[in-house]
């Protein structure tokens, strides 16, 4: 017969392992700036690093968090992006697919 203490001792490490695995999975879903799709759209994790001469559509204040393709809340640090195949982008990032959120 298991006691509650034995149950907790057995389940807490498993739950912690699952949490670590989920976090690693979420980070693995983040797009890298050198990925082909990101490069094609001029994606940068930090919008302030965008070359405004190369990408004249960029303007200060435009970032993923205020783009209609950003599938998270504006307060989320990372969220999926419809333009980049559902990969996660940085809220502070930018790419050529940026469109003002309605």
C-alpha atoms as a PDB file:
ATOM      1  CA  UNK A   1       0.000   0.000   0.000  1.00  0.00           C
ATOM      2  CA  UNK A   2       1.361   3.428  -0.996  1.00  0.00           C
ATOM      3  CA  UNK A   3       1.128   6.379   1.263  1.00  0.00           C
ATOM      4  CA  UNK A   4       0.560   9.921   0.100  1.00  0.00           C
ATOM      5  CA  UNK A   5       4.203  10.722   0.851  1.00  0.00           C
ATOM      6  CA  UNK A   6       5.420   7.867  -1.352  1.00  0.00           C
ATOM      7  CA  UNK A   7       3.072   8.992  -4.117  1.00  0.00           C
ATOM      8  CA  UNK A   8       4.434  12.552  -3.974  1.00  0.00           C
ATOM      9  CA  UNK A   9       8.025  11.364  -3.873  1.00  0.00           C
ATOM     10  CA  UNK A  10       7.406   9.374  -7.042  1.00  0.00           C
ATOM     11  CA  UNK A  11       5.329  11.920  -8.974  1.00  0.00           C
ATOM     12  CA  UNK A  12       7.066  15.237  -8.254  1.00  0.00           C
ATOM     13  CA  UNK A  13      10.299  14.356 -10.128  1.00  0.00           C
ATOM     14  CA  UNK A  14       8.235  13.134 -13.092  1.00  0.00           C
ATOM     15  CA  UNK A  15       6.210  16.344 -13.138  1.00  0.00           C
ATOM     16  CA  UNK A  16       9.367  18.452 -12.989  1.00  0.00           C
ATOM     17  CA  UNK A  17      10.874  16.454 -15.850  1.00  0.00           C
ATOM     18  CA  UNK A  18       7.763  17.054 -17.925  1.00  0.00           C
ATOM     19  CA  UNK A  19       7.977  20.791 -17.266  1.00  0.00           C
ATOM     20  CA  UNK A  20      11.595  20.887 -18.411  1.00  0.00           C
ATOM     21  CA  UNK A  21      10.727  18.874 -21.525  1.00  0.00           C
ATOM     22  CA  UNK A  22       7.847  21.213 -22.403  1.00  0.00           C
ATOM     23  CA  UNK A  23      10.074  24.274 -22.007  1.00  0.00           C
ATOM     24  CA  UNK A  24      12.736  22.702 -24.224  1.00  0.00           C
ATOM     25  CA  UNK A  25      10.076  21.874 -26.810  1.00  0.00           C
ATOM     26  CA  UNK A  26       8.802  25.466 -26.824  1.00  0.00           C
ATOM     27  CA  UNK A  27      12.345  26.779 -27.309  1.00  0.00           C
ATOM     28  CA  UNK A  28      12.929  24.297 -30.131  1.00  0.00           C
ATOM     29  CA  UNK A  29       9.916  25.793 -31.928  1.00  0.00           C
ATOM     30  CA  UNK A  30      11.513  29.264 -31.975  1.00  0.00           C
ATOM     31  CA  UNK A  31      12.667  30.415 -35.383  1.00  0.00           C
ATOM     32  CA  UNK A  32      16.306  31.263 -35.848  1.00  0.00           C
ATOM     33  CA  UNK A  33      17.256  34.392 -37.761  1.00  0.00           C
ATOM     34  CA  UNK A  34      19.332  32.305 -40.185  1.00  0.00           C
ATOM     35  CA  UNK A  35      16.469  29.912 -41.041  1.00  0.00           C
ATOM     36  CA  UNK A  36      15.555  30.131 -44.752  1.00  0.00           C
ATOM     37  CA  UNK A  37      12.024  31.446 -44.107  1.00  0.00           C
ATOM     38  CA  UNK A  38      13.302  34.045 -41.638  1.00  0.00           C
ATOM     39  CA  UNK A  39      16.047  35.167 -44.005  1.00  0.00           C
ATOM     40  CA  UNK A  40      13.574  35.487 -46.873  1.00  0.00           C
ATOM     41  CA  UNK A  41      11.408  37.828 -44.799  1.00  0.00           C
ATOM     42  CA  UNK A  42      14.286  39.731 -43.214  1.00  0.00           C
ATOM     43  CA  UNK A  43      13.255  38.572 -39.732  1.00  0.00           C
ATOM     44  CA  UNK A  44      15.252  39.849 -36.766  1.00  0.00           C
ATOM     45  CA  UNK A  45      14.660  38.919 -33.117  1.00  0.00           C
ATOM     46  CA  UNK A  46      15.260  42.569 -32.210  1.00  0.00           C
ATOM     47  CA  UNK A  47      13.506  45.103 -34.447  1.00  0.00           C
ATOM     48  CA  UNK A  48      16.036  47.789 -33.532  1.00  0.00           C
ATOM     49  CA  UNK A  49      18.663  45.733 -35.401  1.00  0.00           C
ATOM     50  CA  UNK A  50      16.753  45.867 -38.729  1.00  0.00           C
ATOM     51  CA  UNK A  51      18.651  47.560 -41.561  1.00  0.00           C
ATOM     52  CA  UNK A  52      16.207  50.344 -42.479  1.00  0.00           C
ATOM     53  CA  UNK A  53      18.033  50.999 -45.778  1.00  0.00           C
ATOM     54  CA  UNK A  54      17.628  47.377 -46.843  1.00  0.00           C
ATOM     55  CA  UNK A  55      14.049  47.185 -45.522  1.00  0.00           C
ATOM     56  CA  UNK A  56      12.414  50.599 -46.083  1.00  0.00           C
ATOM     57  CA  UNK A  57       9.055  49.245 -44.854  1.00  0.00           C
ATOM     58  CA  UNK A  58      10.500  49.080 -41.344  1.00  0.00           C
ATOM     59  CA  UNK A  59       9.817  51.979 -39.005  1.00  0.00           C
ATOM     60  CA  UNK A  60      10.516  52.374 -35.315  1.00  0.00           C
ATOM     61  CA  UNK A  61       7.636  51.017 -33.242  1.00  0.00           C
ATOM     62  CA  UNK A  62       6.781  48.221 -35.668  1.00  0.00           C
ATOM     63  CA  UNK A  63       7.374  44.857 -34.031  1.00  0.00           C
ATOM     64  CA  UNK A  64       5.906  41.381 -33.913  1.00  0.00           C
ATOM     65  CA  UNK A  65       3.820  42.113 -30.808  1.00  0.00           C
ATOM     66  CA  UNK A  66       1.766  44.691 -32.728  1.00  0.00           C
ATOM     67  CA  UNK A  67       1.509  42.670 -35.953  1.00  0.00           C
ATOM     68  CA  UNK A  68      -1.729  40.939 -36.949  1.00  0.00           C
ATOM     69  CA  UNK A  69       0.208  37.756 -37.790  1.00  0.00           C
ATOM     70  CA  UNK A  70       1.499  37.424 -34.199  1.00  0.00           C
ATOM     71  CA  UNK A  71      -0.641  34.714 -32.618  1.00  0.00           C
ATOM     72  CA  UNK A  72       0.008  35.569 -28.998  1.00  0.00           C
ATOM     73  CA  UNK A  73      -0.940  38.331 -26.621  1.00  0.00           C
ATOM     74  CA  UNK A  74       1.028  41.570 -26.971  1.00  0.00           C
ATOM     75  CA  UNK A  75       2.488  40.815 -23.533  1.00  0.00           C
ATOM     76  CA  UNK A  76       3.856  37.370 -24.561  1.00  0.00           C
ATOM     77  CA  UNK A  77       7.640  37.384 -25.018  1.00  0.00           C
ATOM     78  CA  UNK A  78       7.415  34.739 -27.783  1.00  0.00           C
ATOM     79  CA  UNK A  79       4.457  33.491 -29.822  1.00  0.00           C
ATOM     80  CA  UNK A  80       3.674  31.681 -33.056  1.00  0.00           C
ATOM     81  CA  UNK A  81       3.704  33.630 -36.306  1.00  0.00           C
ATOM     82  CA  UNK A  82       1.470  32.823 -39.279  1.00  0.00           C
ATOM     83  CA  UNK A  83       4.028  34.221 -41.739  1.00  0.00           C
ATOM     84  CA  UNK A  84       6.809  31.948 -40.496  1.00  0.00           C
ATOM     85  CA  UNK A  85       5.008  28.636 -40.581  1.00  0.00           C
ATOM     86  CA  UNK A  86       3.744  28.773 -37.014  1.00  0.00           C
ATOM     87  CA  UNK A  87       7.254  29.034 -35.580  1.00  0.00           C
ATOM     88  CA  UNK A  88       7.673  31.239 -32.533  1.00  0.00           C
ATOM     89  CA  UNK A  89       8.997  34.755 -32.991  1.00  0.00           C
ATOM     90  CA  UNK A  90      10.182  37.293 -30.464  1.00  0.00           C
ATOM     91  CA  UNK A  91       7.591  39.957 -29.593  1.00  0.00           C
ATOM     92  CA  UNK A  92      10.359  42.527 -30.079  1.00  0.00           C
ATOM     93  CA  UNK A  93      11.185  41.167 -33.534  1.00  0.00           C
ATOM     94  CA  UNK A  94      10.199  42.313 -37.027  1.00  0.00           C
ATOM     95  CA  UNK A  95       9.954  41.002 -40.595  1.00  0.00           C
ATOM     96  CA  UNK A  96       8.700  42.214 -43.975  1.00  0.00           C
ATOM     97  CA  UNK A  97       5.347  40.492 -43.485  1.00  0.00           C
ATOM     98  CA  UNK A  98       4.491  42.938 -40.654  1.00  0.00           C
ATOM     99  CA  UNK A  99       0.924  44.236 -40.880  1.00  0.00           C
ATOM    100  CA  UNK A 100      -0.710  46.511 -38.328  1.00  0.00           C
ATOM    101  CA  UNK A 101      -2.922  44.713 -35.862  1.00  0.00           C
ATOM    102  CA  UNK A 102      -6.497  45.939 -36.145  1.00  0.00           C
END
